[in-house]
Amino acid sequence: MPKNFKEELLFTAVMAGLMVLVMAGYNIALADGFSHHFIREVLTGYPLALLVAAICDLGIIGPGVKYIFFHFIINDYMKKKQIRIALTISVMMVAGMVTLMSLFGMVVTQNFGDNALLTYLHTWIFNLFMALPLQLLIVGPFARKILGTVQKHYAPAENAEAETVKD
């Protein structure tokens, strides 16, 4: 888990960066198939989608999920192993991000169909089925590994700095 704002930014950059890239490709493949324009379409929409995802993650979904989790959900069983906390927060984050990013995708592509609500529900379900395993099995572990590596690398420097301040 990130311990400060810099770590939160790194974790979000890795997590959102990979999730947006894969989910953009997934949605374009669902809508248009794999044409010769596939990579260009993914990369064209990527910067805006990444910006929106980062704002949603850092400003809306992330704080909301953490508030709900730490005030209403966490219990002694979860506290015994850090991974239980990480997985529960991940599932809640995916649900929230899929909810907002599915709407974002529909607005950007102007894909409302004959019935906007049914189109949204269809989009949401298909995105959830892809995003949840992607997050839990690939992107989440990868982002946690990178964060852990950074934390281990900088921990000796922080400990030395703390010792200097004590002396």
N, C-alpha and C. Protein backbone atom coordinates (compact mmCIF):
# COMPACT_ATOMS: atom_id res chain seq x y z
N MET A 1 0.84 -1.18 0.00
CA MET A 1 0.00 0.00 0.00
C MET A 1 0.89 1.25 0.00
N PRO A 2 0.51 2.26 -0.76
CA PRO A 2 1.29 3.51 -0.76
C PRO A 2 1.28 4.14 0.62
N LYS A 3 2.44 4.70 1.00
CA LYS A 3 2.58 5.30 2.33
C LYS A 3 2.60 6.81 2.31
N ASN A 4 2.74 7.41 1.11
CA ASN A 4 2.74 8.86 1.01
C ASN A 4 2.21 9.26 -0.37
N PHE A 5 2.12 10.55 -0.61
CA PHE A 5 1.52 11.03 -1.86
C PHE A 5 2.35 10.66 -3.09
N LYS A 6 3.69 10.70 -2.97
CA LYS A 6 4.53 10.31 -4.10
C LYS A 6 4.30 8.86 -4.48
N GLU A 7 4.23 8.00 -3.48
CA GLU A 7 3.97 6.58 -3.73
C GLU A 7 2.57 6.38 -4.32
N GLU A 8 1.62 7.15 -3.84
CA GLU A 8 0.25 7.09 -4.38
C GLU A 8 0.23 7.47 -5.86
N LEU A 9 0.99 8.51 -6.21
CA LEU A 9 1.07 8.91 -7.63
C LEU A 9 1.73 7.83 -8.48
N LEU A 10 2.81 7.24 -7.99
CA LEU A 10 3.47 6.16 -8.73
C LEU A 10 2.53 4.98 -8.91
N PHE A 11 1.90 4.56 -7.82
CA PHE A 11 0.99 3.42 -7.87
C PHE A 11 -0.16 3.69 -8.83
N THR A 12 -0.73 4.88 -8.77
CA THR A 12 -1.83 5.25 -9.67
C THR A 12 -1.37 5.30 -11.11
N ALA A 13 -0.18 5.83 -11.35
CA ALA A 13 0.34 5.91 -12.73
C ALA A 13 0.49 4.52 -13.33
N VAL A 14 1.05 3.60 -12.57
CA VAL A 14 1.23 2.23 -13.08
C VAL A 14 -0.13 1.57 -13.25
N MET A 15 -0.95 1.64 -12.21
CA MET A 15 -2.24 0.96 -12.22
C MET A 15 -3.16 1.53 -13.31
N ALA A 16 -3.36 2.82 -13.29
CA ALA A 16 -4.26 3.44 -14.27
C ALA A 16 -3.67 3.34 -15.68
N GLY A 17 -2.37 3.53 -15.79
CA GLY A 17 -1.74 3.46 -17.11
C GLY A 17 -1.97 2.12 -17.79
N LEU A 18 -1.75 1.04 -17.07
CA LEU A 18 -1.93 -0.29 -17.66
C LEU A 18 -3.41 -0.65 -17.83
N MET A 19 -4.22 -0.33 -16.83
CA MET A 19 -5.65 -0.65 -16.93
C MET A 19 -6.30 0.09 -18.10
N VAL A 20 -6.00 1.36 -18.25
CA VAL A 20 -6.59 2.15 -19.34
C VAL A 20 -6.12 1.61 -20.69
N LEU A 21 -4.86 1.29 -20.80
CA LEU A 21 -4.34 0.78 -22.08
C LEU A 21 -5.03 -0.52 -22.48
N VAL A 22 -5.10 -1.46 -21.56
CA VAL A 22 -5.72 -2.76 -21.88
C VAL A 22 -7.22 -2.61 -22.09
N MET A 23 -7.88 -1.84 -21.23
CA MET A 23 -9.33 -1.70 -21.36
C MET A 23 -9.70 -0.93 -22.63
N ALA A 24 -8.89 0.05 -23.03
CA ALA A 24 -9.16 0.76 -24.29
C ALA A 24 -9.05 -0.21 -25.45
N GLY A 25 -8.01 -1.02 -25.45
CA GLY A 25 -7.86 -2.03 -26.51
C GLY A 25 -9.02 -3.01 -26.52
N TYR A 26 -9.42 -3.45 -25.34
CA TYR A 26 -10.53 -4.38 -25.21
C TYR A 26 -11.83 -3.79 -25.77
N ASN A 27 -12.14 -2.56 -25.40
CA ASN A 27 -13.38 -1.94 -25.86
C ASN A 27 -13.35 -1.65 -27.35
N ILE A 28 -12.21 -1.24 -27.87
CA ILE A 28 -12.11 -1.00 -29.31
C ILE A 28 -12.23 -2.32 -30.07
N ALA A 29 -11.62 -3.37 -29.55
CA ALA A 29 -11.73 -4.68 -30.20
C ALA A 29 -13.18 -5.17 -30.18
N LEU A 30 -13.89 -4.93 -29.07
CA LEU A 30 -15.30 -5.33 -29.01
C LEU A 30 -16.15 -4.56 -30.01
N ALA A 31 -15.88 -3.27 -30.12
CA ALA A 31 -16.70 -2.42 -30.99
C ALA A 31 -16.35 -2.57 -32.47
N ASP A 32 -15.05 -2.61 -32.78
CA ASP A 32 -14.63 -2.55 -34.18
C ASP A 32 -13.84 -3.76 -34.65
N GLY A 33 -13.48 -4.64 -33.74
CA GLY A 33 -12.61 -5.77 -34.10
C GLY A 33 -11.17 -5.30 -34.21
N PHE A 34 -10.34 -6.17 -34.72
CA PHE A 34 -8.92 -5.85 -34.88
C PHE A 34 -8.67 -5.44 -36.32
N SER A 35 -8.84 -4.16 -36.59
CA SER A 35 -8.58 -3.65 -37.92
C SER A 35 -7.15 -3.15 -37.99
N HIS A 36 -6.75 -2.68 -39.16
CA HIS A 36 -5.40 -2.15 -39.31
C HIS A 36 -5.24 -0.81 -38.59
N HIS A 37 -6.35 -0.23 -38.11
CA HIS A 37 -6.31 1.03 -37.37
C HIS A 37 -6.37 0.82 -35.86
N PHE A 38 -6.36 -0.42 -35.42
CA PHE A 38 -6.57 -0.76 -34.01
C PHE A 38 -5.58 -0.03 -33.09
N ILE A 39 -4.30 -0.17 -33.33
CA ILE A 39 -3.29 0.43 -32.46
C ILE A 39 -3.41 1.95 -32.46
N ARG A 40 -3.64 2.53 -33.62
CA ARG A 40 -3.80 3.99 -33.70
C ARG A 40 -5.01 4.45 -32.90
N GLU A 41 -6.12 3.70 -32.98
CA GLU A 41 -7.32 4.07 -32.22
C GLU A 41 -7.06 3.99 -30.72
N VAL A 42 -6.37 2.96 -30.29
CA VAL A 42 -6.07 2.81 -28.86
C VAL A 42 -5.19 3.96 -28.39
N LEU A 43 -4.13 4.23 -29.14
CA LEU A 43 -3.19 5.27 -28.72
C LEU A 43 -3.77 6.68 -28.83
N THR A 44 -4.69 6.90 -29.75
CA THR A 44 -5.32 8.21 -29.90
C THR A 44 -6.19 8.55 -28.69
N GLY A 45 -6.95 7.61 -28.23
CA GLY A 45 -7.84 7.86 -27.09
C GLY A 45 -7.17 7.72 -25.74
N TYR A 46 -5.97 7.15 -25.71
CA TYR A 46 -5.30 6.84 -24.45
C TYR A 46 -5.01 8.05 -23.56
N PRO A 47 -4.44 9.14 -24.06
CA PRO A 47 -4.10 10.24 -23.14
C PRO A 47 -5.30 10.82 -22.39
N LEU A 48 -6.40 11.06 -23.10
CA LEU A 48 -7.58 11.61 -22.43
C LEU A 48 -8.16 10.61 -21.45
N ALA A 49 -8.24 9.35 -21.85
CA ALA A 49 -8.78 8.32 -20.96
C ALA A 49 -7.90 8.17 -19.72
N LEU A 50 -6.59 8.24 -19.88
CA LEU A 50 -5.68 8.14 -18.74
C LEU A 50 -5.86 9.33 -17.80
N LEU A 51 -6.00 10.50 -18.35
CA LEU A 51 -6.21 11.70 -17.53
C LEU A 51 -7.51 11.58 -16.73
N VAL A 52 -8.58 11.18 -17.39
CA VAL A 52 -9.87 11.02 -16.71
C VAL A 52 -9.77 9.93 -15.65
N ALA A 53 -9.13 8.82 -15.98
CA ALA A 53 -8.99 7.73 -15.01
C ALA A 53 -8.18 8.16 -13.80
N ALA A 54 -7.10 8.91 -14.02
CA ALA A 54 -6.28 9.37 -12.89
C ALA A 54 -7.07 10.33 -11.99
N ILE A 55 -7.83 11.21 -12.60
CA ILE A 55 -8.66 12.15 -11.82
C ILE A 55 -9.72 11.38 -11.04
N CYS A 56 -10.37 10.43 -11.70
CA CYS A 56 -11.39 9.62 -11.02
C CYS A 56 -10.76 8.82 -9.88
N ASP A 57 -9.60 8.23 -10.13
CA ASP A 57 -8.94 7.40 -9.13
C ASP A 57 -8.49 8.23 -7.93
N LEU A 58 -7.75 9.30 -8.19
CA LEU A 58 -7.18 10.10 -7.11
C LEU A 58 -8.19 11.02 -6.42
N GLY A 59 -9.21 11.47 -7.18
CA GLY A 59 -10.10 12.48 -6.64
C GLY A 59 -11.49 12.02 -6.25
N ILE A 60 -11.95 10.92 -6.83
CA ILE A 60 -13.34 10.51 -6.57
C ILE A 60 -13.40 9.10 -5.98
N ILE A 61 -13.05 8.12 -6.79
CA ILE A 61 -13.22 6.72 -6.40
C ILE A 61 -12.27 6.34 -5.27
N GLY A 62 -10.98 6.66 -5.41
CA GLY A 62 -10.00 6.29 -4.40
C GLY A 62 -10.36 6.78 -3.00
N PRO A 63 -10.57 8.08 -2.84
CA PRO A 63 -10.94 8.57 -1.50
C PRO A 63 -12.26 7.98 -1.00
N GLY A 64 -13.22 7.82 -1.89
CA GLY A 64 -14.51 7.25 -1.48
C GLY A 64 -14.39 5.81 -1.03
N VAL A 65 -13.66 5.02 -1.80
CA VAL A 65 -13.46 3.61 -1.45
C VAL A 65 -12.71 3.49 -0.13
N LYS A 66 -11.66 4.27 0.04
CA LYS A 66 -10.88 4.20 1.28
C LYS A 66 -11.71 4.61 2.49
N TYR A 67 -12.53 5.63 2.32
CA TYR A 67 -13.39 6.06 3.42
C TYR A 67 -14.36 4.93 3.80
N ILE A 68 -15.06 4.40 2.80
CA ILE A 68 -16.03 3.33 3.07
C ILE A 68 -15.33 2.12 3.68
N PHE A 69 -14.19 1.73 3.10
CA PHE A 69 -13.48 0.55 3.59
C PHE A 69 -13.01 0.72 5.03
N PHE A 70 -12.31 1.81 5.32
CA PHE A 70 -11.72 1.98 6.64
C PHE A 70 -12.73 2.38 7.72
N HIS A 71 -13.92 2.84 7.32
CA HIS A 71 -14.93 3.19 8.31
C HIS A 71 -15.99 2.11 8.51
N PHE A 72 -16.26 1.29 7.48
CA PHE A 72 -17.38 0.36 7.56
C PHE A 72 -17.05 -1.10 7.30
N ILE A 73 -15.95 -1.39 6.63
CA ILE A 73 -15.71 -2.76 6.18
C ILE A 73 -14.57 -3.46 6.93
N ILE A 74 -13.48 -2.79 7.15
CA ILE A 74 -12.29 -3.44 7.73
C ILE A 74 -12.62 -4.09 9.08
N ASN A 75 -12.02 -5.26 9.30
CA ASN A 75 -12.21 -5.96 10.56
C ASN A 75 -10.89 -6.62 10.97
N ASP A 76 -10.89 -7.26 12.12
CA ASP A 76 -9.66 -7.86 12.63
C ASP A 76 -9.13 -8.96 11.71
N TYR A 77 -10.03 -9.71 11.08
CA TYR A 77 -9.62 -10.77 10.16
C TYR A 77 -8.79 -10.19 9.00
N MET A 78 -9.23 -9.10 8.45
CA MET A 78 -8.51 -8.47 7.34
C MET A 78 -7.17 -7.91 7.78
N LYS A 79 -7.11 -7.40 8.99
CA LYS A 79 -5.88 -6.77 9.48
C LYS A 79 -4.74 -7.78 9.66
N LYS A 80 -5.07 -9.07 9.74
CA LYS A 80 -4.03 -10.09 9.94
C LYS A 80 -3.12 -10.24 8.73
N LYS A 81 -3.65 -9.97 7.56
CA LYS A 81 -2.83 -10.08 6.33
C LYS A 81 -3.12 -8.88 5.43
N GLN A 82 -2.07 -8.18 5.06
CA GLN A 82 -2.18 -6.97 4.24
C GLN A 82 -2.85 -7.26 2.91
N ILE A 83 -2.64 -8.45 2.34
CA ILE A 83 -3.20 -8.78 1.03
C ILE A 83 -4.72 -8.77 1.06
N ARG A 84 -5.32 -9.12 2.18
CA ARG A 84 -6.79 -9.10 2.28
C ARG A 84 -7.31 -7.67 2.13
N ILE A 85 -6.61 -6.75 2.74
CA ILE A 85 -7.00 -5.34 2.61
C ILE A 85 -6.81 -4.89 1.17
N ALA A 86 -5.66 -5.22 0.57
CA ALA A 86 -5.37 -4.81 -0.80
C ALA A 86 -6.39 -5.38 -1.79
N LEU A 87 -6.75 -6.63 -1.63
CA LEU A 87 -7.70 -7.25 -2.57
C LEU A 87 -9.11 -6.67 -2.41
N THR A 88 -9.52 -6.43 -1.19
CA THR A 88 -10.86 -5.85 -0.98
C THR A 88 -10.93 -4.45 -1.56
N ILE A 89 -9.90 -3.65 -1.31
CA ILE A 89 -9.88 -2.30 -1.88
C ILE A 89 -9.82 -2.38 -3.41
N SER A 90 -9.06 -3.32 -3.95
CA SER A 90 -8.97 -3.47 -5.41
C SER A 90 -10.32 -3.78 -6.04
N VAL A 91 -11.06 -4.69 -5.44
CA VAL A 91 -12.38 -5.05 -5.98
C VAL A 91 -13.31 -3.84 -5.94
N MET A 92 -13.28 -3.10 -4.83
CA MET A 92 -14.12 -1.91 -4.72
C MET A 92 -13.69 -0.84 -5.72
N MET A 93 -12.39 -0.68 -5.90
CA MET A 93 -11.88 0.31 -6.87
C MET A 93 -12.30 -0.05 -8.29
N VAL A 94 -12.19 -1.33 -8.65
CA VAL A 94 -12.59 -1.75 -9.99
C VAL A 94 -14.07 -1.46 -10.21
N ALA A 95 -14.90 -1.79 -9.23
CA ALA A 95 -16.34 -1.53 -9.38
C ALA A 95 -16.61 -0.04 -9.61
N GLY A 96 -15.96 0.80 -8.83
CA GLY A 96 -16.16 2.24 -8.98
C GLY A 96 -15.59 2.78 -10.29
N MET A 97 -14.39 2.35 -10.63
CA MET A 97 -13.76 2.85 -11.86
C MET A 97 -14.50 2.37 -13.10
N VAL A 98 -14.96 1.13 -13.10
CA VAL A 98 -15.73 0.63 -14.24
C VAL A 98 -17.02 1.43 -14.37
N THR A 99 -17.62 1.78 -13.27
CA THR A 99 -18.86 2.56 -13.29
C THR A 99 -18.63 3.91 -13.98
N LEU A 100 -17.58 4.62 -13.61
CA LEU A 100 -17.32 5.94 -14.20
C LEU A 100 -16.70 5.85 -15.60
N MET A 101 -15.75 4.95 -15.78
CA MET A 101 -15.06 4.89 -17.07
C MET A 101 -15.95 4.31 -18.18
N SER A 102 -16.90 3.47 -17.83
CA SER A 102 -17.86 2.99 -18.84
C SER A 102 -18.70 4.15 -19.34
N LEU A 103 -19.12 5.01 -18.43
CA LEU A 103 -19.87 6.20 -18.82
C LEU A 103 -19.00 7.12 -19.67
N PHE A 104 -17.75 7.31 -19.25
CA PHE A 104 -16.81 8.13 -20.03
C PHE A 104 -16.67 7.58 -21.45
N GLY A 105 -16.49 6.28 -21.58
CA GLY A 105 -16.35 5.67 -22.90
C GLY A 105 -17.58 5.88 -23.78
N MET A 106 -18.74 5.76 -23.17
CA MET A 106 -19.97 5.97 -23.94
C MET A 106 -20.08 7.42 -24.41
N VAL A 107 -19.73 8.35 -23.55
CA VAL A 107 -19.81 9.78 -23.91
C VAL A 107 -18.82 10.11 -25.01
N VAL A 108 -17.57 9.65 -24.87
CA VAL A 108 -16.54 9.96 -25.85
C VAL A 108 -16.87 9.38 -27.22
N THR A 109 -17.38 8.16 -27.24
CA THR A 109 -17.71 7.52 -28.52
C THR A 109 -19.12 7.85 -28.99
N GLN A 110 -19.86 8.54 -28.14
CA GLN A 110 -21.27 8.87 -28.43
C GLN A 110 -22.07 7.62 -28.76
N ASN A 111 -21.82 6.57 -27.99
CA ASN A 111 -22.46 5.28 -28.18
C ASN A 111 -23.56 5.11 -27.14
N PHE A 112 -24.75 5.58 -27.47
CA PHE A 112 -25.86 5.47 -26.54
C PHE A 112 -26.92 4.47 -27.02
N GLY A 113 -26.81 4.03 -28.27
CA GLY A 113 -27.76 3.06 -28.79
C GLY A 113 -29.19 3.57 -28.74
N ASP A 114 -30.12 2.65 -28.86
CA ASP A 114 -31.54 3.01 -28.80
C ASP A 114 -31.98 3.28 -27.36
N ASN A 115 -31.34 2.59 -26.42
CA ASN A 115 -31.69 2.75 -25.01
C ASN A 115 -30.39 2.97 -24.24
N ALA A 116 -30.16 4.19 -23.79
CA ALA A 116 -28.89 4.55 -23.15
C ALA A 116 -28.65 3.73 -21.88
N LEU A 117 -29.69 3.48 -21.11
CA LEU A 117 -29.52 2.72 -19.87
C LEU A 117 -29.08 1.29 -20.16
N LEU A 118 -29.74 0.65 -21.11
CA LEU A 118 -29.36 -0.73 -21.45
C LEU A 118 -27.97 -0.79 -22.07
N THR A 119 -27.64 0.19 -22.89
CA THR A 119 -26.29 0.25 -23.47
C THR A 119 -25.26 0.41 -22.36
N TYR A 120 -25.56 1.27 -21.39
CA TYR A 120 -24.64 1.47 -20.27
C TYR A 120 -24.49 0.18 -19.46
N LEU A 121 -25.57 -0.47 -19.13
CA LEU A 121 -25.50 -1.72 -18.36
C LEU A 121 -24.70 -2.79 -19.11
N HIS A 122 -24.92 -2.89 -20.41
CA HIS A 122 -24.17 -3.84 -21.24
C HIS A 122 -22.68 -3.50 -21.20
N THR A 123 -22.37 -2.24 -21.38
CA THR A 123 -20.97 -1.79 -21.35
C THR A 123 -20.35 -2.05 -19.99
N TRP A 124 -21.08 -1.72 -18.93
CA TRP A 124 -20.58 -1.90 -17.57
C TRP A 124 -20.28 -3.36 -17.27
N ILE A 125 -21.19 -4.25 -17.63
CA ILE A 125 -21.00 -5.68 -17.35
C ILE A 125 -19.80 -6.23 -18.13
N PHE A 126 -19.72 -5.91 -19.41
CA PHE A 126 -18.60 -6.39 -20.21
C PHE A 126 -17.27 -5.84 -19.69
N ASN A 127 -17.25 -4.58 -19.28
CA ASN A 127 -16.03 -4.00 -18.74
C ASN A 127 -15.66 -4.62 -17.38
N LEU A 128 -16.65 -4.87 -16.55
CA LEU A 128 -16.38 -5.48 -15.25
C LEU A 128 -15.79 -6.88 -15.42
N PHE A 129 -16.34 -7.66 -16.35
CA PHE A 129 -15.84 -9.01 -16.58
C PHE A 129 -14.39 -9.02 -17.06
N MET A 130 -13.96 -7.98 -17.71
CA MET A 130 -12.57 -7.90 -18.15
C MET A 130 -11.70 -7.24 -17.08
N ALA A 131 -12.17 -6.15 -16.50
CA ALA A 131 -11.34 -5.35 -15.59
C ALA A 131 -11.04 -6.07 -14.28
N LEU A 132 -11.98 -6.80 -13.75
CA LEU A 132 -11.76 -7.42 -12.44
C LEU A 132 -10.63 -8.46 -12.48
N PRO A 133 -10.70 -9.44 -13.38
CA PRO A 133 -9.57 -10.38 -13.42
C PRO A 133 -8.26 -9.72 -13.86
N LEU A 134 -8.34 -8.77 -14.77
CA LEU A 134 -7.13 -8.06 -15.21
C LEU A 134 -6.47 -7.37 -14.01
N GLN A 135 -7.27 -6.73 -13.19
CA GLN A 135 -6.76 -6.02 -12.02
C GLN A 135 -6.22 -6.98 -10.97
N LEU A 136 -7.00 -8.01 -10.65
CA LEU A 136 -6.63 -8.91 -9.56
C LEU A 136 -5.48 -9.84 -9.91
N LEU A 137 -5.39 -10.26 -11.17
CA LEU A 137 -4.39 -11.26 -11.55
C LEU A 137 -3.13 -10.71 -12.21
N ILE A 138 -3.24 -9.56 -12.86
CA ILE A 138 -2.09 -9.07 -13.63
C ILE A 138 -1.64 -7.68 -13.16
N VAL A 139 -2.48 -6.69 -13.38
CA VAL A 139 -2.07 -5.30 -13.14
C VAL A 139 -1.85 -5.00 -11.66
N GLY A 140 -2.75 -5.43 -10.80
CA GLY A 140 -2.60 -5.18 -9.37
C GLY A 140 -1.31 -5.76 -8.80
N PRO A 141 -1.06 -7.07 -9.01
CA PRO A 141 0.21 -7.63 -8.52
C PRO A 141 1.44 -6.93 -9.11
N PHE A 142 1.37 -6.58 -10.39
CA PHE A 142 2.50 -5.89 -11.03
C PHE A 142 2.73 -4.52 -10.39
N ALA A 143 1.66 -3.76 -10.19
CA ALA A 143 1.79 -2.43 -9.58
C ALA A 143 2.27 -2.53 -8.13
N ARG A 144 1.77 -3.52 -7.38
CA ARG A 144 2.23 -3.71 -6.01
C ARG A 144 3.70 -4.11 -5.97
N LYS A 145 4.13 -4.91 -6.93
CA LYS A 145 5.54 -5.31 -7.01
C LYS A 145 6.43 -4.10 -7.26
N ILE A 146 6.03 -3.25 -8.20
CA ILE A 146 6.81 -2.04 -8.48
C ILE A 146 6.84 -1.14 -7.25
N LEU A 147 5.70 -0.93 -6.61
CA LEU A 147 5.64 -0.10 -5.42
C LEU A 147 6.51 -0.69 -4.31
N GLY A 148 6.44 -2.00 -4.10
CA GLY A 148 7.26 -2.65 -3.09
C GLY A 148 8.74 -2.49 -3.36
N THR A 149 9.12 -2.60 -4.63
CA THR A 149 10.53 -2.42 -5.00
C THR A 149 10.99 -1.00 -4.69
N VAL A 150 10.17 -0.02 -5.03
CA VAL A 150 10.51 1.38 -4.75
C VAL A 150 10.59 1.60 -3.24
N GLN A 151 9.64 1.06 -2.49
CA GLN A 151 9.64 1.23 -1.04
C GLN A 151 10.88 0.60 -0.41
N LYS A 152 11.28 -0.58 -0.88
CA LYS A 152 12.49 -1.23 -0.35
C LYS A 152 13.74 -0.44 -0.71
N HIS A 153 13.76 0.12 -1.91
CA HIS A 153 14.93 0.87 -2.36
C HIS A 153 15.12 2.13 -1.53
N TYR A 154 14.04 2.82 -1.21
CA TYR A 154 14.13 4.08 -0.48
C TYR A 154 14.04 3.92 1.03
N ALA A 155 13.66 2.76 1.53
CA ALA A 155 13.54 2.55 2.97
C ALA A 155 14.87 2.73 3.70
N PRO A 156 15.99 2.18 3.20
CA PRO A 156 17.26 2.40 3.91
C PRO A 156 17.63 3.88 4.00
N ALA A 157 17.38 4.63 2.95
CA ALA A 157 17.69 6.06 2.96
C ALA A 157 16.81 6.80 3.97
N GLU A 158 15.53 6.43 4.05
CA GLU A 158 14.62 7.07 5.00
C GLU A 158 15.01 6.71 6.43
N ASN A 159 15.40 5.45 6.66
CA ASN A 159 15.81 5.03 8.00
C ASN A 159 17.08 5.75 8.43
N ALA A 160 18.02 5.90 7.52
CA ALA A 160 19.26 6.62 7.82
C ALA A 160 18.97 8.09 8.12
N GLU A 161 18.06 8.67 7.38
CA GLU A 161 17.66 10.06 7.60
C GLU A 161 17.01 10.23 8.96
N ALA A 162 16.16 9.27 9.34
CA ALA A 162 15.49 9.32 10.64
C ALA A 162 16.51 9.18 11.77
N GLU A 163 17.52 8.33 11.61
CA GLU A 163 18.56 8.15 12.61
C GLU A 163 19.37 9.44 12.77
N THR A 164 19.64 10.14 11.66
CA THR A 164 20.39 11.38 11.69
C THR A 164 19.62 12.43 12.48
N VAL A 165 18.31 12.48 12.30
CA VAL A 165 17.49 13.46 12.99
C VAL A 165 17.48 13.17 14.49
N LYS A 166 17.49 11.88 14.91
CA LYS A 166 17.49 11.50 16.32
C LYS A 166 18.78 11.94 17.01
N ASP A 167 19.91 11.85 16.29
CA ASP A 167 21.22 12.17 16.88
C ASP A 167 21.36 13.63 17.04
